[in-house]
Each structure stands twice: as structure tokens, then as C-alpha cells.
Amino acid sequence: MSDTLKERRRLLIATSGVGAVAAAATAVPFVASLTPSDRARAAGAPVEADVSKLAPGEMMTIEWRGKPVWLLRRTPEMLAALEGHESRLADPASAEPQQPDYAANRHRSINAEFLVVIGICTHLGCSPSEKFAPGATSGIGEDWPGGFLCPCHGSIFDLAGRVFLSQPAPTNLEIPPHKWLSDSLVLIGEDDSAAA
């Protein structure tokens, strides 16, 4: 075999090897881009919230699946305000299948002191604002028991996230699946039911 043929063969093998390495180097990031990122996987994962520093009457917000989840520590006065206005609510007993069974009660929670609710209006997805003060100081009316107001279209919800009658919002605020891991630690996004 002539030296020219040997040189061509070496050049062909070297070029093929470099091409294979380049193809692998290009394919690895491309294939990796097709798998979900850690952040994307975590977006649907359950989230823990520590409410130990939440004072009565205060609310904190955490993010779960890209949605704001409100944790409101209700005072005894706030809990008492949940009674007496059921006739003005669209779904006072939470009969609509939009929350776990353990939230189908007047206070719409496992632990009456804490409301765990998705802070998105069920009308068009706006975020309601706090209107916790009862009565005229809220700017809503003398008979206002306290709750939430969606400023976009005027839907009002009580301190359990129950919508009042004749509002743009068709249903109560959604209760996410959740469970208490301790007296001060709640897990949002998972509960003990098979549907979670």
C-alpha cells in the first residue's frame, strides 16, 4: 500500500473520530434539554410551610404549582364571623366538588384556626386582596363580616373563601390538598386521600 493511501486512511479515521465526538457533544445537551429541569419538577411537588411565627389575624403566602397559596391564621373573632351570613353565600356548605372532603365545612379547613386556600379568584384568575376588618371600615359595607375582595370585577369572599351570592366568581376559592405534619408545619399539595 502506498504512503498516500495510508495517509488518506489515517486522515479518514481521524476525521470520522472527530465527527463522532462532535456529534456526541451536540447530542448530549440536546437530549438533556428534552427532560424537565429540577425547577420544573419541583413546581408540582408538595411544599412545606411553617406557620409557627404567624400571629393570629396574619396571613402568609407561599407558591405551589405557580399559584399563590394563602395561609391565614384566624382569630376567634374571625371564626365567629363565619356564622350568621350563610344566607348571603352562593355555596355556604362547600357542596361544589372543588375542595377535598375535609374542607367541606363552615371554616373550610382541617384546623379551624388556619385557612389554607389558593389566592386566585374563580372568575378570571385575578388575585383578591385582604379586607379582614369587618363593617364599614373595610369600605365594603356596614354588614361586611371580613374576608377578601377581588378588585378586578368586585367578587367578595368571606374569611373561609366562600363567595357571596350574585358575584362574578362562580365558586368559592379553591382549597388545595394539604395535611398537617405537626402543629406548625403544613404540607401543601399532598394529603392522605387517594385523590391527592
N, C-alpha and C. Protein backbone atom coordinates (compact mmCIF):
# COMPACT_ATOMS: atom_id res chain seq x y z
N MET A 1 0.86 -1.17 0.00
CA MET A 1 0.00 0.00 0.00
C MET A 1 0.90 1.22 0.00
N SER A 2 0.53 2.16 -0.82
CA SER A 2 1.36 3.35 -0.94
C SER A 2 1.19 4.26 0.26
N ASP A 3 2.18 5.10 0.45
CA ASP A 3 2.14 6.06 1.55
C ASP A 3 0.96 7.01 1.43
N THR A 4 0.57 7.35 0.23
CA THR A 4 -0.56 8.25 0.01
C THR A 4 -1.86 7.61 0.48
N LEU A 5 -2.03 6.34 0.18
CA LEU A 5 -3.24 5.64 0.62
C LEU A 5 -3.29 5.52 2.14
N LYS A 6 -2.12 5.22 2.74
CA LYS A 6 -2.05 5.12 4.20
C LYS A 6 -2.40 6.47 4.85
N GLU A 7 -1.89 7.51 4.27
CA GLU A 7 -2.15 8.85 4.80
C GLU A 7 -3.64 9.20 4.69
N ARG A 8 -4.25 8.84 3.56
CA ARG A 8 -5.69 9.09 3.37
C ARG A 8 -6.51 8.30 4.39
N ARG A 9 -6.12 7.03 4.60
CA ARG A 9 -6.85 6.19 5.55
C ARG A 9 -6.77 6.79 6.96
N ARG A 10 -5.56 7.21 7.39
CA ARG A 10 -5.40 7.84 8.71
C ARG A 10 -6.23 9.11 8.83
N LEU A 11 -6.20 9.89 7.77
CA LEU A 11 -6.98 11.13 7.75
C LEU A 11 -8.48 10.84 7.83
N LEU A 12 -8.95 9.81 7.12
CA LEU A 12 -10.36 9.42 7.15
C LEU A 12 -10.76 8.93 8.54
N ILE A 13 -9.93 8.13 9.17
CA ILE A 13 -10.22 7.62 10.52
C ILE A 13 -10.22 8.77 11.52
N ALA A 14 -9.25 9.66 11.42
CA ALA A 14 -9.17 10.80 12.34
C ALA A 14 -10.38 11.71 12.16
N THR A 15 -10.75 11.96 10.92
CA THR A 15 -11.90 12.83 10.64
C THR A 15 -13.19 12.18 11.15
N SER A 16 -13.32 10.88 10.96
CA SER A 16 -14.51 10.15 11.45
C SER A 16 -14.58 10.21 12.97
N GLY A 17 -13.43 10.04 13.63
CA GLY A 17 -13.40 10.10 15.09
C GLY A 17 -13.79 11.47 15.61
N VAL A 18 -13.25 12.52 15.01
CA VAL A 18 -13.60 13.89 15.41
C VAL A 18 -15.07 14.16 15.16
N GLY A 19 -15.60 13.67 14.04
CA GLY A 19 -17.02 13.84 13.74
C GLY A 19 -17.91 13.13 14.75
N ALA A 20 -17.52 11.93 15.17
CA ALA A 20 -18.31 11.18 16.16
C ALA A 20 -18.31 11.91 17.50
N VAL A 21 -17.15 12.43 17.90
CA VAL A 21 -17.06 13.18 19.16
C VAL A 21 -17.92 14.44 19.08
N ALA A 22 -17.88 15.14 17.97
CA ALA A 22 -18.68 16.35 17.81
C ALA A 22 -20.17 16.03 17.83
N ALA A 23 -20.57 14.92 17.19
CA ALA A 23 -21.98 14.52 17.19
C ALA A 23 -22.44 14.20 18.61
N ALA A 24 -21.61 13.48 19.36
CA ALA A 24 -21.97 13.15 20.75
C ALA A 24 -22.05 14.41 21.60
N ALA A 25 -21.09 15.31 21.40
CA ALA A 25 -21.08 16.56 22.18
C ALA A 25 -22.31 17.41 21.88
N THR A 26 -22.82 17.32 20.68
CA THR A 26 -24.02 18.06 20.31
C THR A 26 -25.28 17.35 20.80
N ALA A 27 -25.30 16.04 20.76
CA ALA A 27 -26.48 15.26 21.12
C ALA A 27 -26.76 15.29 22.62
N VAL A 28 -25.72 15.24 23.44
CA VAL A 28 -25.93 15.18 24.89
C VAL A 28 -26.71 16.38 25.40
N PRO A 29 -26.32 17.63 25.10
CA PRO A 29 -27.12 18.76 25.59
C PRO A 29 -28.52 18.78 24.98
N PHE A 30 -28.64 18.36 23.72
CA PHE A 30 -29.97 18.34 23.09
C PHE A 30 -30.89 17.36 23.80
N VAL A 31 -30.43 16.17 24.07
CA VAL A 31 -31.25 15.17 24.78
C VAL A 31 -31.55 15.66 26.19
N ALA A 32 -30.57 16.25 26.85
CA ALA A 32 -30.79 16.77 28.20
C ALA A 32 -31.83 17.88 28.22
N SER A 33 -31.92 18.65 27.14
CA SER A 33 -32.91 19.75 27.09
C SER A 33 -34.33 19.23 26.98
N LEU A 34 -34.50 17.99 26.58
CA LEU A 34 -35.84 17.41 26.45
C LEU A 34 -36.41 16.93 27.78
N THR A 35 -35.57 16.75 28.78
CA THR A 35 -36.05 16.32 30.09
C THR A 35 -36.39 17.55 30.93
N PRO A 36 -37.41 17.45 31.81
CA PRO A 36 -37.77 18.62 32.63
C PRO A 36 -36.65 19.01 33.59
N SER A 37 -36.51 20.28 33.82
CA SER A 37 -35.49 20.78 34.73
C SER A 37 -35.88 20.48 36.17
N ASP A 38 -34.92 20.62 37.09
CA ASP A 38 -35.21 20.43 38.52
C ASP A 38 -36.28 21.41 38.96
N ARG A 39 -36.21 22.62 38.44
CA ARG A 39 -37.19 23.64 38.82
C ARG A 39 -38.59 23.26 38.34
N ALA A 40 -38.67 22.73 37.12
CA ALA A 40 -39.97 22.31 36.58
C ALA A 40 -40.53 21.14 37.37
N ARG A 41 -39.66 20.20 37.72
CA ARG A 41 -40.14 19.06 38.53
C ARG A 41 -40.60 19.54 39.90
N ALA A 42 -39.88 20.49 40.48
CA ALA A 42 -40.24 20.99 41.80
C ALA A 42 -41.52 21.82 41.78
N ALA A 43 -41.88 22.37 40.64
CA ALA A 43 -43.07 23.22 40.56
C ALA A 43 -44.34 22.46 40.91
N GLY A 44 -44.37 21.16 40.68
CA GLY A 44 -45.55 20.37 41.00
C GLY A 44 -45.40 19.61 42.31
N ALA A 45 -44.25 19.69 42.92
CA ALA A 45 -44.01 18.95 44.15
C ALA A 45 -44.69 19.60 45.34
N PRO A 46 -45.02 18.83 46.36
CA PRO A 46 -45.57 19.41 47.58
C PRO A 46 -44.60 20.40 48.22
N VAL A 47 -45.15 21.38 48.93
CA VAL A 47 -44.36 22.43 49.56
C VAL A 47 -44.72 22.50 51.04
N GLU A 48 -43.70 22.58 51.89
CA GLU A 48 -43.94 22.71 53.33
C GLU A 48 -44.00 24.19 53.71
N ALA A 49 -44.87 24.50 54.65
CA ALA A 49 -44.97 25.87 55.16
C ALA A 49 -44.97 25.82 56.69
N ASP A 50 -44.11 26.62 57.29
CA ASP A 50 -44.02 26.72 58.75
C ASP A 50 -44.83 27.93 59.19
N VAL A 51 -45.88 27.69 59.96
CA VAL A 51 -46.76 28.78 60.40
C VAL A 51 -46.52 29.15 61.87
N SER A 52 -45.41 28.69 62.44
CA SER A 52 -45.15 28.93 63.86
C SER A 52 -45.01 30.41 64.20
N LYS A 53 -44.56 31.22 63.25
CA LYS A 53 -44.36 32.65 63.53
C LYS A 53 -45.54 33.50 63.04
N LEU A 54 -46.59 32.86 62.56
CA LEU A 54 -47.76 33.57 62.05
C LEU A 54 -48.67 33.93 63.22
N ALA A 55 -48.82 35.22 63.48
CA ALA A 55 -49.65 35.68 64.60
C ALA A 55 -51.13 35.60 64.22
N PRO A 56 -52.02 35.48 65.20
CA PRO A 56 -53.45 35.48 64.89
C PRO A 56 -53.83 36.75 64.12
N GLY A 57 -54.59 36.56 63.05
CA GLY A 57 -55.00 37.67 62.20
C GLY A 57 -54.05 37.95 61.05
N GLU A 58 -52.92 37.24 61.00
CA GLU A 58 -51.94 37.45 59.93
C GLU A 58 -52.06 36.37 58.86
N MET A 59 -51.59 36.74 57.67
CA MET A 59 -51.63 35.82 56.54
C MET A 59 -50.25 35.79 55.88
N MET A 60 -49.85 34.62 55.42
CA MET A 60 -48.63 34.48 54.65
C MET A 60 -48.97 33.83 53.31
N THR A 61 -48.11 34.03 52.33
CA THR A 61 -48.32 33.47 51.00
C THR A 61 -47.12 32.62 50.63
N ILE A 62 -47.39 31.42 50.13
CA ILE A 62 -46.33 30.59 49.57
C ILE A 62 -46.74 30.23 48.14
N GLU A 63 -45.79 29.76 47.37
CA GLU A 63 -46.08 29.39 45.99
C GLU A 63 -46.10 27.88 45.84
N TRP A 64 -47.15 27.38 45.20
CA TRP A 64 -47.27 25.96 44.90
C TRP A 64 -47.83 25.82 43.49
N ARG A 65 -47.12 25.12 42.63
CA ARG A 65 -47.51 24.94 41.23
C ARG A 65 -47.73 26.27 40.52
N GLY A 66 -46.94 27.26 40.89
CA GLY A 66 -47.03 28.57 40.27
C GLY A 66 -48.21 29.40 40.75
N LYS A 67 -48.90 28.94 41.79
CA LYS A 67 -50.07 29.66 42.31
C LYS A 67 -49.79 30.15 43.72
N PRO A 68 -50.37 31.30 44.09
CA PRO A 68 -50.23 31.76 45.47
C PRO A 68 -51.17 30.97 46.39
N VAL A 69 -50.62 30.44 47.45
CA VAL A 69 -51.44 29.75 48.46
C VAL A 69 -51.38 30.58 49.73
N TRP A 70 -52.56 30.99 50.20
CA TRP A 70 -52.64 31.80 51.41
C TRP A 70 -52.82 30.92 52.62
N LEU A 71 -52.12 31.26 53.68
CA LEU A 71 -52.29 30.62 54.98
C LEU A 71 -52.68 31.72 55.95
N LEU A 72 -53.94 31.73 56.33
CA LEU A 72 -54.48 32.76 57.23
C LEU A 72 -54.73 32.14 58.60
N ARG A 73 -54.10 32.73 59.62
CA ARG A 73 -54.35 32.29 60.99
C ARG A 73 -55.49 33.14 61.54
N ARG A 74 -56.64 32.53 61.65
CA ARG A 74 -57.83 33.28 62.04
C ARG A 74 -57.94 33.43 63.56
N THR A 75 -58.39 34.59 63.98
CA THR A 75 -58.63 34.87 65.39
C THR A 75 -59.98 34.27 65.79
N PRO A 76 -60.26 34.16 67.08
CA PRO A 76 -61.59 33.70 67.50
C PRO A 76 -62.70 34.59 66.92
N GLU A 77 -62.43 35.90 66.80
CA GLU A 77 -63.43 36.81 66.23
C GLU A 77 -63.64 36.52 64.74
N MET A 78 -62.58 36.21 64.04
CA MET A 78 -62.70 35.86 62.62
C MET A 78 -63.51 34.57 62.44
N LEU A 79 -63.27 33.60 63.30
CA LEU A 79 -64.03 32.35 63.22
C LEU A 79 -65.50 32.58 63.55
N ALA A 80 -65.76 33.43 64.53
CA ALA A 80 -67.15 33.74 64.87
C ALA A 80 -67.85 34.45 63.73
N ALA A 81 -67.10 35.24 62.95
CA ALA A 81 -67.68 35.99 61.83
C ALA A 81 -68.11 35.07 60.68
N LEU A 82 -67.71 33.80 60.70
CA LEU A 82 -68.11 32.86 59.66
C LEU A 82 -69.58 32.44 59.80
N GLU A 83 -70.16 32.73 60.95
CA GLU A 83 -71.56 32.39 61.18
C GLU A 83 -72.44 33.61 60.93
N GLY A 84 -73.66 33.36 60.58
CA GLY A 84 -74.63 34.44 60.50
C GLY A 84 -74.82 35.06 59.14
N HIS A 85 -74.01 34.69 58.14
CA HIS A 85 -74.22 35.26 56.81
C HIS A 85 -74.35 34.19 55.73
N GLU A 86 -74.62 32.93 56.14
CA GLU A 86 -74.73 31.83 55.18
C GLU A 86 -75.80 32.09 54.12
N SER A 87 -76.86 32.78 54.48
CA SER A 87 -77.94 33.05 53.51
C SER A 87 -77.47 33.98 52.39
N ARG A 88 -76.36 34.67 52.61
CA ARG A 88 -75.81 35.60 51.60
C ARG A 88 -74.73 34.96 50.74
N LEU A 89 -74.44 33.67 50.97
CA LEU A 89 -73.36 32.97 50.26
C LEU A 89 -73.91 32.07 49.15
N ALA A 90 -73.14 31.93 48.08
CA ALA A 90 -73.55 31.08 46.96
C ALA A 90 -73.44 29.59 47.29
N ASP A 91 -72.42 29.21 48.05
CA ASP A 91 -72.19 27.80 48.40
C ASP A 91 -71.70 27.72 49.84
N PRO A 92 -72.57 27.99 50.80
CA PRO A 92 -72.13 28.07 52.20
C PRO A 92 -71.60 26.76 52.77
N ALA A 93 -72.11 25.62 52.30
CA ALA A 93 -71.67 24.33 52.83
C ALA A 93 -70.55 23.70 52.00
N SER A 94 -70.03 24.46 51.04
CA SER A 94 -68.96 23.97 50.16
C SER A 94 -69.35 22.64 49.50
N ALA A 95 -70.53 22.63 48.89
CA ALA A 95 -71.03 21.43 48.24
C ALA A 95 -70.38 21.19 46.87
N GLU A 96 -69.90 22.25 46.22
CA GLU A 96 -69.23 22.09 44.93
C GLU A 96 -67.98 21.23 45.13
N PRO A 97 -67.71 20.30 44.20
CA PRO A 97 -66.54 19.41 44.37
C PRO A 97 -65.23 20.08 43.95
N GLN A 98 -64.90 21.18 44.61
CA GLN A 98 -63.68 21.91 44.27
C GLN A 98 -62.66 21.89 45.40
N GLN A 99 -62.97 21.16 46.46
CA GLN A 99 -62.04 21.08 47.57
C GLN A 99 -62.07 19.66 48.13
N PRO A 100 -61.05 19.29 48.86
CA PRO A 100 -61.05 17.97 49.48
C PRO A 100 -62.22 17.85 50.47
N ASP A 101 -62.64 16.63 50.73
CA ASP A 101 -63.77 16.40 51.65
C ASP A 101 -63.56 17.01 53.02
N TYR A 102 -62.31 17.03 53.49
CA TYR A 102 -62.04 17.57 54.83
C TYR A 102 -62.22 19.08 54.90
N ALA A 103 -62.46 19.73 53.77
CA ALA A 103 -62.68 21.18 53.77
C ALA A 103 -64.14 21.54 53.48
N ALA A 104 -65.00 20.55 53.43
CA ALA A 104 -66.42 20.81 53.19
C ALA A 104 -67.12 21.07 54.53
N ASN A 105 -66.75 22.17 55.16
CA ASN A 105 -67.34 22.58 56.44
C ASN A 105 -67.38 24.11 56.48
N ARG A 106 -67.93 24.67 57.52
CA ARG A 106 -68.09 26.12 57.60
C ARG A 106 -66.76 26.85 57.50
N HIS A 107 -65.73 26.35 58.15
CA HIS A 107 -64.44 27.04 58.15
C HIS A 107 -63.54 26.58 57.00
N ARG A 108 -63.96 25.58 56.24
CA ARG A 108 -63.27 25.07 55.04
C ARG A 108 -61.81 24.73 55.31
N SER A 109 -61.57 24.03 56.40
CA SER A 109 -60.20 23.66 56.73
C SER A 109 -60.17 22.44 57.64
N ILE A 110 -58.99 21.85 57.74
CA ILE A 110 -58.77 20.74 58.67
C ILE A 110 -58.72 21.30 60.08
N ASN A 111 -57.91 22.32 60.26
CA ASN A 111 -57.72 23.00 61.53
C ASN A 111 -58.46 24.34 61.42
N ALA A 112 -59.52 24.52 62.18
CA ALA A 112 -60.37 25.71 62.05
C ALA A 112 -59.59 27.01 62.16
N GLU A 113 -58.53 27.02 62.93
CA GLU A 113 -57.76 28.25 63.13
C GLU A 113 -57.05 28.70 61.85
N PHE A 114 -56.70 27.75 60.98
CA PHE A 114 -55.92 28.07 59.78
C PHE A 114 -56.71 27.80 58.50
N LEU A 115 -56.80 28.84 57.67
CA LEU A 115 -57.35 28.70 56.33
C LEU A 115 -56.19 28.50 55.37
N VAL A 116 -56.26 27.44 54.57
CA VAL A 116 -55.27 27.17 53.53
C VAL A 116 -56.04 27.20 52.22
N VAL A 117 -55.79 28.24 51.40
CA VAL A 117 -56.61 28.45 50.20
C VAL A 117 -55.75 29.01 49.07
N ILE A 118 -56.10 28.65 47.84
CA ILE A 118 -55.41 29.21 46.68
C ILE A 118 -55.95 30.62 46.46
N GLY A 119 -55.05 31.59 46.43
CA GLY A 119 -55.43 33.00 46.35
C GLY A 119 -55.69 33.48 44.94
N ILE A 120 -56.52 32.75 44.21
CA ILE A 120 -56.88 33.13 42.84
C ILE A 120 -58.39 33.12 42.71
N CYS A 121 -58.93 34.24 42.27
CA CYS A 121 -60.38 34.36 42.10
C CYS A 121 -60.85 33.34 41.06
N THR A 122 -61.99 32.71 41.33
CA THR A 122 -62.52 31.69 40.43
C THR A 122 -63.25 32.29 39.24
N HIS A 123 -63.25 33.62 39.13
CA HIS A 123 -63.89 34.27 37.97
C HIS A 123 -62.92 34.28 36.79
N LEU A 124 -61.91 35.12 36.85
CA LEU A 124 -60.97 35.23 35.73
C LEU A 124 -59.51 35.07 36.15
N GLY A 125 -59.27 34.57 37.37
CA GLY A 125 -57.91 34.30 37.79
C GLY A 125 -57.16 35.47 38.38
N CYS A 126 -57.86 36.52 38.79
CA CYS A 126 -57.21 37.66 39.46
C CYS A 126 -56.87 37.26 40.88
N SER A 127 -56.11 38.09 41.57
CA SER A 127 -55.76 37.81 42.96
C SER A 127 -56.51 38.76 43.88
N PRO A 128 -57.45 38.25 44.68
CA PRO A 128 -58.18 39.11 45.62
C PRO A 128 -57.25 39.74 46.66
N SER A 129 -57.72 40.81 47.28
CA SER A 129 -56.95 41.47 48.32
C SER A 129 -57.64 41.28 49.66
N GLU A 130 -56.88 41.48 50.71
CA GLU A 130 -57.37 41.31 52.08
C GLU A 130 -58.33 42.44 52.44
N LYS A 131 -59.44 42.07 53.01
CA LYS A 131 -60.40 43.01 53.59
C LYS A 131 -60.88 42.40 54.90
N PHE A 132 -59.91 42.19 55.82
CA PHE A 132 -60.19 41.46 57.05
C PHE A 132 -61.06 42.24 58.04
N ALA A 133 -60.95 43.56 58.04
CA ALA A 133 -61.71 44.36 59.00
C ALA A 133 -63.20 44.28 58.70
N PRO A 134 -64.01 43.96 59.70
CA PRO A 134 -65.46 43.90 59.47
C PRO A 134 -66.08 45.30 59.47
N GLY A 135 -67.28 45.38 58.93
CA GLY A 135 -68.04 46.63 58.97
C GLY A 135 -67.59 47.66 57.96
N ALA A 136 -67.98 48.89 58.19
CA ALA A 136 -67.77 50.00 57.25
C ALA A 136 -66.30 50.35 57.06
N THR A 137 -65.43 50.07 58.02
CA THR A 137 -64.01 50.42 57.87
C THR A 137 -63.37 49.70 56.69
N SER A 138 -63.97 48.62 56.23
CA SER A 138 -63.44 47.87 55.09
C SER A 138 -63.70 48.58 53.77
N GLY A 139 -64.69 49.47 53.77
CA GLY A 139 -65.08 50.13 52.54
C GLY A 139 -66.08 49.32 51.73
N ILE A 140 -66.51 48.18 52.26
CA ILE A 140 -67.45 47.32 51.53
C ILE A 140 -68.88 47.53 52.01
N GLY A 141 -69.05 47.70 53.31
CA GLY A 141 -70.40 47.94 53.82
C GLY A 141 -70.49 47.66 55.31
N GLU A 142 -71.56 48.18 55.92
CA GLU A 142 -71.78 48.01 57.36
C GLU A 142 -71.88 46.54 57.77
N ASP A 143 -72.48 45.73 56.91
CA ASP A 143 -72.70 44.33 57.26
C ASP A 143 -71.59 43.39 56.79
N TRP A 144 -70.45 43.97 56.40
CA TRP A 144 -69.33 43.16 55.93
C TRP A 144 -68.72 42.36 57.08
N PRO A 145 -68.64 41.00 56.96
CA PRO A 145 -68.09 40.20 58.05
C PRO A 145 -66.57 40.07 58.03
N GLY A 146 -65.94 40.59 56.98
CA GLY A 146 -64.50 40.42 56.81
C GLY A 146 -64.24 39.33 55.79
N GLY A 147 -63.15 39.48 55.03
CA GLY A 147 -62.82 38.49 54.02
C GLY A 147 -61.91 39.03 52.96
N PHE A 148 -62.26 38.77 51.70
CA PHE A 148 -61.41 39.13 50.56
C PHE A 148 -62.25 39.80 49.48
N LEU A 149 -61.64 40.74 48.77
CA LEU A 149 -62.28 41.45 47.66
C LEU A 149 -61.40 41.30 46.43
N CYS A 150 -62.01 40.86 45.33
CA CYS A 150 -61.27 40.83 44.06
C CYS A 150 -61.49 42.18 43.39
N PRO A 151 -60.46 43.02 43.32
CA PRO A 151 -60.65 44.37 42.82
C PRO A 151 -60.95 44.45 41.32
N CYS A 152 -60.65 43.40 40.58
CA CYS A 152 -60.86 43.44 39.12
C CYS A 152 -62.33 43.53 38.75
N HIS A 153 -63.16 42.66 39.34
CA HIS A 153 -64.57 42.63 38.97
C HIS A 153 -65.51 42.64 40.17
N GLY A 154 -64.96 42.81 41.37
CA GLY A 154 -65.78 43.03 42.55
C GLY A 154 -66.27 41.81 43.29
N SER A 155 -65.80 40.62 42.98
CA SER A 155 -66.23 39.43 43.72
C SER A 155 -65.75 39.53 45.17
N ILE A 156 -66.62 39.13 46.09
CA ILE A 156 -66.26 39.16 47.51
C ILE A 156 -66.40 37.77 48.11
N PHE A 157 -65.48 37.46 49.01
CA PHE A 157 -65.39 36.16 49.66
C PHE A 157 -65.26 36.39 51.16
N ASP A 158 -65.83 35.49 51.97
CA ASP A 158 -65.69 35.64 53.42
C ASP A 158 -64.35 35.08 53.89
N LEU A 159 -64.15 35.01 55.20
CA LEU A 159 -62.88 34.59 55.78
C LEU A 159 -62.62 33.10 55.66
N ALA A 160 -63.52 32.37 55.00
CA ALA A 160 -63.30 30.96 54.67
C ALA A 160 -63.17 30.80 53.16
N GLY A 161 -63.14 31.91 52.42
CA GLY A 161 -63.02 31.86 50.97
C GLY A 161 -64.32 31.49 50.27
N ARG A 162 -65.46 31.64 50.97
CA ARG A 162 -66.77 31.34 50.37
C ARG A 162 -67.28 32.59 49.66
N VAL A 163 -67.72 32.42 48.42
CA VAL A 163 -68.17 33.54 47.61
C VAL A 163 -69.60 33.95 47.97
N PHE A 164 -69.84 35.23 47.94
CA PHE A 164 -71.18 35.75 48.20
C PHE A 164 -72.06 35.57 46.95
N LEU A 165 -73.36 35.61 47.14
CA LEU A 165 -74.32 35.48 46.05
C LEU A 165 -74.17 36.61 45.03
N SER A 166 -74.55 36.31 43.80
CA SER A 166 -74.61 37.29 42.71
C SER A 166 -73.28 38.00 42.46
N GLN A 167 -72.21 37.25 42.51
CA GLN A 167 -70.87 37.78 42.24
C GLN A 167 -70.38 37.22 40.90
N PRO A 168 -69.44 37.90 40.26
CA PRO A 168 -68.87 37.34 39.03
C PRO A 168 -68.21 35.98 39.25
N ALA A 169 -67.57 35.78 40.41
CA ALA A 169 -66.93 34.49 40.71
C ALA A 169 -68.02 33.43 40.88
N PRO A 170 -67.94 32.32 40.13
CA PRO A 170 -68.98 31.31 40.20
C PRO A 170 -68.89 30.38 41.40
N THR A 171 -67.68 30.22 41.96
CA THR A 171 -67.49 29.27 43.06
C THR A 171 -66.58 29.85 44.13
N ASN A 172 -66.53 29.17 45.26
CA ASN A 172 -65.64 29.54 46.36
C ASN A 172 -64.19 29.46 45.90
N LEU A 173 -63.31 30.10 46.66
CA LEU A 173 -61.88 29.95 46.40
C LEU A 173 -61.50 28.48 46.59
N GLU A 174 -60.55 28.01 45.80
CA GLU A 174 -60.17 26.60 45.82
C GLU A 174 -59.28 26.27 47.01
N ILE A 175 -59.57 25.14 47.65
CA ILE A 175 -58.74 24.64 48.74
C ILE A 175 -57.80 23.58 48.15
N PRO A 176 -56.48 23.77 48.29
CA PRO A 176 -55.56 22.76 47.75
C PRO A 176 -55.48 21.55 48.65
N PRO A 177 -55.07 20.41 48.13
CA PRO A 177 -54.83 19.27 49.02
C PRO A 177 -53.71 19.65 49.99
N HIS A 178 -53.88 19.30 51.24
CA HIS A 178 -52.85 19.60 52.24
C HIS A 178 -53.04 18.71 53.45
N LYS A 179 -52.00 18.65 54.26
CA LYS A 179 -52.09 17.93 55.53
C LYS A 179 -51.11 18.54 56.51
N TRP A 180 -51.43 18.40 57.78
CA TRP A 180 -50.58 18.94 58.84
C TRP A 180 -49.57 17.88 59.25
N LEU A 181 -48.28 18.24 59.20
CA LEU A 181 -47.22 17.34 59.62
C LEU A 181 -46.94 17.49 61.12
N SER A 182 -47.27 18.67 61.65
CA SER A 182 -47.16 18.95 63.09
C SER A 182 -48.10 20.12 63.38
N ASP A 183 -48.09 20.63 64.60
CA ASP A 183 -48.95 21.76 64.95
C ASP A 183 -48.61 23.02 64.15
N SER A 184 -47.38 23.12 63.66
CA SER A 184 -46.97 24.34 62.97
C SER A 184 -46.44 24.12 61.55
N LEU A 185 -46.48 22.89 61.06
CA LEU A 185 -45.95 22.59 59.74
C LEU A 185 -47.02 21.94 58.88
N VAL A 186 -47.34 22.60 57.77
CA VAL A 186 -48.37 22.08 56.85
C VAL A 186 -47.71 21.77 55.51
N LEU A 187 -48.14 20.67 54.90
CA LEU A 187 -47.65 20.25 53.60
C LEU A 187 -48.72 20.54 52.57
N ILE A 188 -48.42 21.44 51.63
CA ILE A 188 -49.36 21.84 50.57
C ILE A 188 -49.09 20.97 49.35
N GLY A 189 -50.15 20.41 48.79
CA GLY A 189 -50.02 19.64 47.56
C GLY A 189 -50.13 18.14 47.76
N GLU A 190 -50.29 17.72 48.98
CA GLU A 190 -50.42 16.29 49.26
C GLU A 190 -51.30 16.13 50.50
N ASP A 191 -52.15 15.12 50.45
CA ASP A 191 -52.91 14.77 51.65
C ASP A 191 -52.98 13.26 51.75
N ASP A 192 -53.76 12.76 52.65
CA ASP A 192 -53.81 11.31 52.87
C ASP A 192 -54.88 10.62 52.03
N SER A 193 -55.56 11.36 51.16
CA SER A 193 -56.57 10.73 50.31
C SER A 193 -55.91 10.16 49.06
N ALA A 194 -56.59 9.24 48.43
CA ALA A 194 -56.05 8.62 47.21
C ALA A 194 -56.05 9.58 46.04
N ALA A 195 -56.88 10.66 46.11
CA ALA A 195 -57.02 11.60 45.00
C ALA A 195 -55.93 12.65 44.97
N ALA A 196 -55.07 12.73 45.96
CA ALA A 196 -54.08 13.81 46.03
C ALA A 196 -53.04 13.70 44.97
